[in-house]
Amino acid sequence: MTVEVRPCAGTEDFKQAFAPIAHFFGRAPTGETAERHLTMLPPERMHAASLDGAVVGGAGALPFELTVPGRRVPAAGVTMVGVLPTHRRRGILRALMRAQLDDVHERGEPVAVLWASESTIYGRFGYGMASLCGELELRRDRGAFGSAVDSAAAARLVDHEEALELLPGIYDRVAAETPGMFSRSRAWWEGRRLFDPEWRREGGGELQHVVLELDDEPAAYALYRLHVAFEYGSSTGRTSVLEAMGVSPAATREIWRYLLDVDWMERVEAGFLPVDHPLLLLVAEPRRLRFTLSDALWVRLVDVRAALEARILEDGPPVVLDVADAFCPWNEGRWRVGADSVEPARAEPDLRLDVPALGSVYLGGFTFTQLARAGRVEELRRGALADADAVFRTDRAPWCPEIF
């Protein structure tokens, strides 16, 4: 039996391709669900896999503008990938990945990014773990900062409509300088980030939107829920932070001061945090944060040359990379990489690695030296690891504040 993979032609096709991943969330796709997703994901960017005329798998690619060190680049945000459990281990996922990456390449998007539902899946298709994210749980009575700072910040709760007007401007300023963040359309804010149906609340209250102003200008925001609970007449509730960010260190500090001070809650919890979050240095007792790490974004360089040319490379001795890429063989070969240019090379290579390893260093989340210590990069010229780390140096950890 031959698997047929094709792009969707409209809403009905999209519903069928969406059904396999919806199965794993326990919800049958509805016309309303499909229409909401179609405001962000054009039907032709969703591939459906059919066997004997029945759709058994799907894979989407959101058209993103992704921040990379120093610039923004067109990227495919891979999402809604699923194969029905009745058709597993038949090569259907591989066929979907083949069709999707070929399509991404033809569209001129040099990078693909995703959150992996299972970390063992995507390495064989050229994706490398490119960033980490943090999760914290802090008792509110342990939330004191190490030093007090006078502030003229003013926070206020806003409704859905005002949030739609104020939050995107703050987000855009942060995203412009943070590798791993992507631009959000109004449809994205309405259909994803601020979308607040009952099933997303997990027993908590309605989504709360707070905007913090500094010098009479919106400078930070937070989205959170309150989960109210009591034992023996005392509150055991929690503040669940979905997203919080500020355009400056002062704004970031003050929006978290607000969140840690919400009354009537016993603890604060948050996920999808940057690994270099300032709270680790702000709070008086950082170990009380219970800050734990997990893999976050995975990156696939679909066009090695175009992807490397799209990000800022720092001054330093150029390096020759010998890159292996069995799934996208057009990337195979030697590349001279430096601040001045990225070009094919005939010289002896300085480092040997595969394309998932190159994806791991692309956003600045890991270094060549770290990968070499794990046996993922081979140094062929003494000092080449240090040279490569200098060329790819960044001063900010990549961060993507939401799963897409």
Protein backbone atom coordinates (compact mmCIF):
# COMPACT_ATOMS: atom_id res chain seq x y z
CA MET A 1 0.00 0.00 0.00
CA THR A 2 1.33 3.41 -1.00
CA VAL A 3 0.99 6.46 1.20
CA GLU A 4 -0.22 9.56 -0.65
CA VAL A 5 0.78 12.92 0.83
CA ARG A 6 -0.72 16.11 -0.51
CA PRO A 7 -1.44 19.68 0.66
CA CYS A 8 -4.97 20.44 1.84
CA ALA A 9 -7.28 22.26 -0.54
CA GLY A 10 -9.77 23.77 1.91
CA THR A 11 -11.60 23.53 5.21
CA GLU A 12 -12.87 19.97 4.81
CA ASP A 13 -9.42 18.69 3.81
CA PHE A 14 -7.95 20.58 6.73
CA LYS A 15 -10.41 18.99 9.19
CA GLN A 16 -9.45 15.53 8.01
CA ALA A 17 -5.71 16.25 8.26
CA PHE A 18 -6.21 17.79 11.72
CA ALA A 19 -8.14 14.77 13.01
CA PRO A 20 -5.09 12.52 13.74
CA ILE A 21 -3.46 15.01 16.13
CA ALA A 22 -6.86 15.95 17.61
CA HIS A 23 -7.32 12.24 18.45
CA PHE A 24 -4.41 12.41 20.91
CA PHE A 25 -6.03 15.37 22.68
CA GLY A 26 -9.32 13.50 23.01
CA ARG A 27 -11.32 15.92 20.87
CA ALA A 28 -12.91 15.45 17.48
CA PRO A 29 -12.19 18.44 15.21
CA THR A 30 -15.17 20.67 14.53
CA GLY A 31 -15.81 23.14 11.74
CA GLU A 32 -15.35 25.97 14.25
CA THR A 33 -11.97 24.58 15.36
CA ALA A 34 -10.83 24.22 11.77
CA GLU A 35 -11.91 27.75 10.87
CA ARG A 36 -10.05 29.19 13.87
CA HIS A 37 -6.83 27.40 12.95
CA LEU A 38 -7.20 28.39 9.31
CA THR A 39 -6.89 32.07 10.29
CA MET A 40 -3.27 31.27 11.21
CA LEU A 41 -2.38 28.25 9.09
CA PRO A 42 -3.22 28.40 5.35
CA PRO A 43 -4.71 25.09 4.14
CA GLU A 44 -1.91 24.54 1.63
CA ARG A 45 0.59 24.56 4.54
CA MET A 46 -1.16 21.49 6.03
CA HIS A 47 -0.24 18.15 4.48
CA ALA A 48 -2.55 15.16 4.69
CA ALA A 49 -1.36 11.55 4.43
CA SER A 50 -3.86 9.09 2.94
CA LEU A 51 -3.88 5.32 2.77
CA ASP A 52 -6.56 3.52 0.74
CA GLY A 53 -8.42 6.81 0.40
CA ALA A 54 -8.62 7.51 4.15
CA VAL A 55 -6.66 10.34 5.81
CA VAL A 56 -4.52 8.79 8.56
CA GLY A 57 -1.95 11.52 9.26
CA GLY A 58 -1.29 15.23 8.99
CA ALA A 59 1.46 17.81 9.44
CA GLY A 60 1.28 21.61 9.35
CA ALA A 61 3.82 24.39 8.92
CA LEU A 62 2.90 27.84 10.20
CA PRO A 63 4.43 30.72 8.19
CA PHE A 64 6.57 32.47 10.80
CA GLU A 65 8.95 35.38 11.02
CA LEU A 66 11.45 34.01 13.54
CA THR A 67 13.94 36.07 15.50
CA VAL A 68 17.47 34.72 15.19
CA PRO A 69 20.60 36.38 16.60
CA GLY A 70 20.55 39.90 15.22
CA ARG A 71 17.82 39.49 12.62
CA ARG A 72 14.52 37.91 11.61
CA VAL A 73 14.15 35.08 9.12
CA PRO A 74 11.21 33.39 7.36
CA ALA A 75 10.64 30.06 9.07
CA ALA A 76 8.25 27.12 9.11
CA GLY A 77 6.64 26.56 12.51
CA VAL A 78 5.95 22.84 12.38
CA THR A 79 2.75 21.92 14.19
CA MET A 80 -0.22 19.53 14.35
CA VAL A 81 1.88 16.52 13.37
CA GLY A 82 0.12 13.24 14.03
CA VAL A 83 -0.53 9.75 12.71
CA LEU A 84 -3.47 7.68 13.90
CA PRO A 85 -2.44 4.85 16.27
CA THR A 86 -4.06 2.38 13.86
CA HIS A 87 -1.40 3.21 11.25
CA ARG A 88 1.81 3.62 13.23
CA ARG A 89 5.18 2.25 12.11
CA ARG A 90 4.33 2.27 8.40
CA GLY A 91 6.54 5.15 7.27
CA ILE A 92 3.68 7.67 7.25
CA LEU A 93 5.45 10.21 9.47
CA ARG A 94 8.56 9.96 7.32
CA ALA A 95 6.49 10.58 4.19
CA LEU A 96 4.91 13.64 5.83
CA MET A 97 8.29 15.02 6.88
CA ARG A 98 9.67 14.44 3.40
CA ALA A 99 6.81 16.32 1.72
CA GLN A 100 6.84 19.10 4.30
CA LEU A 101 10.58 19.81 4.20
CA ASP A 102 10.60 19.72 0.40
CA ASP A 103 7.76 22.25 0.42
CA VAL A 104 9.52 24.47 2.98
CA HIS A 105 12.68 24.38 0.86
CA GLU A 106 10.79 25.32 -2.30
CA ARG A 107 9.16 28.25 -0.47
CA GLY A 108 12.57 29.63 0.45
CA GLU A 109 12.15 29.29 4.21
CA PRO A 110 15.67 28.37 5.37
CA VAL A 111 14.68 27.25 8.87
CA ALA A 112 12.02 25.00 10.41
CA VAL A 113 11.26 25.01 14.14
CA LEU A 114 9.04 22.92 16.41
CA TRP A 115 8.24 21.78 19.92
CA ALA A 116 8.70 18.01 20.05
CA SER A 117 5.88 16.03 21.60
CA GLU A 118 8.45 13.24 22.03
CA SER A 119 12.13 14.14 22.00
CA THR A 120 13.17 10.94 20.20
CA ILE A 121 11.18 11.65 17.03
CA TYR A 122 12.68 14.54 15.11
CA GLY A 123 16.44 14.06 15.25
CA ARG A 124 16.25 11.59 12.40
CA PHE A 125 14.71 14.30 10.23
CA GLY A 126 17.51 16.78 10.96
CA TYR A 127 16.14 18.70 13.94
CA GLY A 128 18.42 19.55 16.83
CA MET A 129 17.46 20.64 20.34
CA ALA A 130 18.12 24.38 20.18
CA SER A 131 16.81 25.82 23.44
CA LEU A 132 15.71 24.94 26.94
CA CYS A 133 12.86 26.34 29.00
CA GLY A 134 12.29 26.58 32.71
CA GLU A 135 9.44 25.91 35.09
CA LEU A 136 9.09 27.22 38.61
CA GLU A 137 6.89 26.77 41.66
CA LEU A 138 7.38 29.23 44.49
CA ARG A 139 5.59 29.67 47.79
CA ARG A 140 4.45 33.27 47.89
CA ASP A 141 5.89 33.79 51.37
CA ARG A 142 9.32 32.94 49.92
CA GLY A 143 9.06 35.43 47.07
CA ALA A 144 11.02 38.31 48.55
CA PHE A 145 13.67 39.92 46.35
CA GLY A 146 17.24 40.13 47.55
CA SER A 147 17.20 43.91 47.52
CA ALA A 148 14.44 46.49 47.50
CA VAL A 149 14.17 48.90 44.57
CA ASP A 150 12.01 52.01 44.47
CA SER A 151 9.62 51.92 41.55
CA ALA A 152 7.01 54.17 40.02
CA ALA A 153 5.38 51.27 38.16
CA ALA A 154 1.60 51.12 37.99
CA ALA A 155 -0.24 47.90 37.13
CA ARG A 156 -3.85 47.60 36.01
CA LEU A 157 -6.10 44.77 34.91
CA VAL A 158 -7.51 45.16 31.39
CA ASP A 159 -10.29 43.39 29.54
CA HIS A 160 -9.93 41.24 26.43
CA GLU A 161 -10.33 44.08 23.96
CA GLU A 162 -7.81 46.35 25.65
CA ALA A 163 -5.41 43.45 25.96
CA LEU A 164 -5.67 42.98 22.19
CA GLU A 165 -4.60 46.59 21.72
CA LEU A 166 -1.85 46.87 24.33
CA LEU A 167 -0.12 43.50 24.62
CA PRO A 168 1.10 43.03 21.02
CA GLY A 169 3.22 46.20 21.13
CA ILE A 170 5.04 45.00 24.25
CA TYR A 171 5.47 41.50 22.85
CA ASP A 172 6.85 42.81 19.55
CA ARG A 173 9.52 44.85 21.31
CA VAL A 174 10.68 41.82 23.30
CA ALA A 175 10.45 39.45 20.33
CA ALA A 176 12.55 41.72 18.11
CA GLU A 177 15.61 41.11 20.28
CA THR A 178 15.00 37.58 21.59
CA PRO A 179 16.10 34.61 19.45
CA GLY A 180 13.42 31.93 19.28
CA MET A 181 10.42 34.28 19.42
CA PHE A 182 8.17 34.71 16.40
CA SER A 183 5.91 37.49 15.21
CA ARG A 184 2.23 37.17 16.18
CA SER A 185 -0.65 38.32 14.01
CA ARG A 186 -3.89 39.68 15.45
CA ALA A 187 -5.49 36.37 14.48
CA TRP A 188 -2.85 34.61 16.59
CA TRP A 189 -3.59 36.78 19.61
CA GLU A 190 -7.32 36.18 19.21
CA GLY A 191 -7.21 32.49 18.30
CA ARG A 192 -4.28 31.27 20.39
CA ARG A 193 -2.75 33.46 23.08
CA LEU A 194 -5.91 35.16 24.42
CA PHE A 195 -8.29 32.35 23.47
CA ASP A 196 -9.96 31.33 26.74
CA PRO A 197 -12.54 28.52 26.44
CA GLU A 198 -13.50 26.53 29.52
CA TRP A 199 -11.45 23.48 28.49
CA ARG A 200 -8.21 25.49 28.56
CA ARG A 201 -8.67 26.62 32.16
CA GLU A 202 -7.92 23.26 33.82
CA GLY A 203 -10.13 24.10 36.76
CA GLY A 204 -8.84 27.66 37.12
CA GLY A 205 -10.58 30.96 36.65
CA GLU A 206 -10.86 33.17 33.61
CA LEU A 207 -7.69 34.40 31.93
CA GLN A 208 -6.45 37.59 33.60
CA HIS A 209 -4.58 40.30 31.67
CA VAL A 210 -2.46 42.83 33.55
CA VAL A 211 -0.50 45.68 31.97
CA LEU A 212 2.27 47.47 33.82
CA GLU A 213 3.18 51.05 32.96
CA LEU A 214 6.47 52.83 33.52
CA ASP A 215 6.72 56.54 32.78
CA ASP A 216 3.09 56.41 31.66
CA GLU A 217 3.90 53.92 28.88
CA PRO A 218 2.93 50.22 28.64
CA ALA A 219 6.15 48.38 29.50
CA ALA A 220 5.18 44.87 30.64
CA TYR A 221 2.26 42.47 30.78
CA ALA A 222 1.25 39.17 32.29
CA LEU A 223 -1.40 36.57 31.52
CA TYR A 224 -2.40 34.40 34.46
CA ARG A 225 -5.17 32.37 36.11
CA LEU A 226 -6.14 32.01 39.73
CA HIS A 227 -6.83 28.51 41.02
CA VAL A 228 -8.76 29.00 44.24
CA ALA A 229 -8.58 26.29 46.92
CA PHE A 230 -8.88 26.06 50.71
CA GLU A 231 -7.89 23.64 53.45
CA TYR A 232 -9.13 24.12 57.02
CA GLY A 233 -10.24 27.64 56.15
CA SER A 234 -6.85 28.77 54.78
CA SER A 235 -6.05 29.39 51.15
CA THR A 236 -4.01 26.79 49.29
CA GLY A 237 -4.65 28.41 45.93
CA ARG A 238 -2.12 29.17 43.22
CA THR A 239 -1.39 31.82 40.66
CA SER A 240 -0.67 30.12 37.34
CA VAL A 241 1.36 32.39 35.06
CA LEU A 242 0.90 31.66 31.37
CA GLU A 243 3.12 34.44 30.04
CA ALA A 244 4.90 37.48 31.45
CA MET A 245 7.46 39.81 29.91
CA GLY A 246 8.77 43.36 29.98
CA VAL A 247 10.60 45.62 27.55
CA SER A 248 13.36 46.45 30.06
CA PRO A 249 14.96 44.90 33.15
CA ALA A 250 12.95 47.26 35.36
CA ALA A 251 9.67 46.36 33.64
CA THR A 252 10.40 42.63 33.88
CA ARG A 253 11.27 42.93 37.55
CA GLU A 254 8.11 44.86 38.36
CA ILE A 255 5.69 42.60 36.49
CA TRP A 256 7.07 39.64 38.45
CA ARG A 257 6.87 41.60 41.69
CA TYR A 258 3.18 42.07 40.90
CA LEU A 259 2.68 38.34 40.19
CA LEU A 260 4.47 37.26 43.37
CA ASP A 261 2.32 39.63 45.44
CA VAL A 262 -1.17 38.56 44.31
CA ASP A 263 -3.05 38.15 47.60
CA TRP A 264 -4.98 35.10 48.76
CA MET A 265 -2.72 32.68 46.85
CA GLU A 266 -0.35 30.27 48.56
CA ARG A 267 2.05 29.78 45.65
CA VAL A 268 2.97 30.90 42.17
CA GLU A 269 3.73 28.56 39.27
CA ALA A 270 4.97 29.31 35.76
CA GLY A 271 6.34 27.44 32.78
CA PHE A 272 7.97 28.13 29.41
CA LEU A 273 10.47 30.52 31.00
CA PRO A 274 13.85 31.52 29.55
CA VAL A 275 16.79 29.70 31.12
CA ASP A 276 18.45 33.03 31.88
CA HIS A 277 15.38 34.41 33.64
CA PRO A 278 16.27 37.36 35.92
CA LEU A 279 14.19 35.89 38.76
CA LEU A 280 17.07 33.52 39.44
CA LEU A 281 19.13 36.55 40.46
CA LEU A 282 16.30 38.69 41.84
CA VAL A 283 14.80 36.48 44.54
CA ALA A 284 16.51 36.23 47.91
CA GLU A 285 16.26 32.42 47.94
CA PRO A 286 16.68 31.18 44.35
CA ARG A 287 16.57 27.49 45.29
CA ARG A 288 12.99 28.07 46.52
CA LEU A 289 11.99 28.62 42.88
CA ARG A 290 12.35 24.88 42.24
CA PHE A 291 13.49 25.90 38.78
CA THR A 292 13.53 22.85 36.51
CA LEU A 293 14.57 22.57 32.85
CA SER A 294 13.16 20.86 29.80
CA ASP A 295 13.87 20.91 26.09
CA ALA A 296 12.02 23.63 24.19
CA LEU A 297 12.55 24.63 20.55
CA TRP A 298 14.05 22.21 18.06
CA VAL A 299 15.60 23.73 14.94
CA ARG A 300 16.12 22.30 11.47
CA LEU A 301 18.32 24.16 8.98
CA VAL A 302 16.48 23.51 5.71
CA ASP A 303 18.99 25.55 3.71
CA VAL A 304 22.30 25.72 5.58
CA ARG A 305 23.80 28.56 3.60
CA ALA A 306 20.69 30.75 3.62
CA ALA A 307 20.05 30.08 7.32
CA LEU A 308 23.59 31.01 8.36
CA GLU A 309 23.56 34.10 6.14
CA ALA A 310 20.28 35.15 7.77
CA ARG A 311 21.72 35.49 11.29
CA ILE A 312 24.48 37.73 12.58
CA LEU A 313 27.87 36.04 12.75
CA GLU A 314 30.52 37.71 14.88
CA ASP A 315 34.05 38.73 13.95
CA GLY A 316 36.68 36.07 14.40
CA PRO A 317 38.65 33.52 12.41
CA PRO A 318 36.25 31.81 9.97
CA VAL A 319 35.75 28.06 10.32
CA VAL A 320 35.16 25.34 7.75
CA LEU A 321 32.31 23.05 8.76
CA ASP A 322 31.91 19.59 7.26
CA VAL A 323 28.13 19.09 7.50
CA ALA A 324 26.32 15.76 7.07
CA ASP A 325 22.63 15.82 6.15
CA ALA A 326 21.21 12.55 4.82
CA PHE A 327 17.56 13.71 4.82
CA CYS A 328 18.20 16.98 2.93
CA PRO A 329 21.33 16.14 0.91
CA TRP A 330 21.52 19.57 -0.71
CA ASN A 331 23.07 20.73 2.58
CA GLU A 332 25.85 18.12 2.55
CA GLY A 333 29.42 19.32 2.23
CA ARG A 334 31.92 21.84 3.51
CA TRP A 335 30.95 25.40 4.37
CA ARG A 336 33.29 28.26 5.19
CA VAL A 337 31.50 30.31 7.83
CA GLY A 338 32.60 33.75 8.96
CA ALA A 339 31.27 37.22 9.68
CA ASP A 340 31.96 38.29 6.10
CA SER A 341 30.39 35.38 4.22
CA VAL A 342 29.03 31.85 4.16
CA GLU A 343 30.13 29.86 1.14
CA PRO A 344 31.00 26.36 -0.08
CA ALA A 345 34.59 25.42 0.72
CA ARG A 346 37.26 23.09 -0.62
CA ALA A 347 39.68 23.60 2.24
CA GLU A 348 40.24 20.94 4.88
CA PRO A 349 37.44 21.06 7.45
CA ASP A 350 37.96 22.42 10.95
CA LEU A 351 34.89 20.75 12.49
CA ARG A 352 32.76 17.78 11.47
CA LEU A 353 29.11 17.61 12.54
CA ASP A 354 25.64 16.69 11.36
CA VAL A 355 22.81 19.12 10.65
CA PRO A 356 20.97 18.48 13.97
CA ALA A 357 24.12 19.66 15.80
CA LEU A 358 24.20 22.78 13.64
CA GLY A 359 20.54 23.37 14.54
CA SER A 360 21.46 23.17 18.22
CA VAL A 361 23.93 26.06 17.98
CA TYR A 362 21.95 28.16 15.50
CA LEU A 363 19.96 30.28 17.98
CA GLY A 364 22.75 30.43 20.54
CA GLY A 365 21.23 27.97 22.99
CA PHE A 366 24.28 25.71 22.92
CA THR A 367 27.92 26.06 21.87
CA PHE A 368 30.11 23.92 19.66
CA THR A 369 32.25 23.20 22.71
CA GLN A 370 29.26 21.86 24.63
CA LEU A 371 28.29 19.65 21.72
CA ALA A 372 31.86 18.37 21.38
CA ARG A 373 31.85 17.35 25.03
CA ALA A 374 28.78 15.26 24.26
CA GLY A 375 30.45 13.68 21.23
CA ARG A 376 28.21 15.57 18.81
CA VAL A 377 30.97 17.63 17.10
CA GLU A 378 34.45 16.47 16.06
CA GLU A 379 37.27 19.01 16.24
CA LEU A 380 39.68 18.45 13.35
CA ARG A 381 41.88 21.52 13.92
CA ARG A 382 43.10 22.48 17.36
CA GLY A 383 41.37 25.67 18.46
CA ALA A 384 38.52 25.34 15.94
CA LEU A 385 35.90 24.89 18.66
CA ALA A 386 36.86 28.19 20.26
CA ASP A 387 36.88 29.91 16.87
CA ALA A 388 33.43 28.56 16.00
CA ASP A 389 32.03 29.58 19.39
CA ALA A 390 33.34 33.11 18.82
CA VAL A 391 31.71 33.36 15.39
CA PHE A 392 28.34 32.11 16.72
CA ARG A 393 28.49 34.03 20.02
CA THR A 394 25.27 35.52 21.42
CA ASP A 395 24.55 37.36 24.67
CA ARG A 396 20.99 36.15 25.21
CA ALA A 397 19.54 32.68 25.59
CA PRO A 398 16.86 31.79 23.03
CA TRP A 399 13.32 31.76 24.32
CA CYS A 400 9.94 30.84 22.92
CA PRO A 401 7.19 31.57 25.48
CA GLU A 402 4.54 29.22 24.05
CA ILE A 403 4.06 25.89 22.34
CA PHE A 404 2.66 26.23 18.84
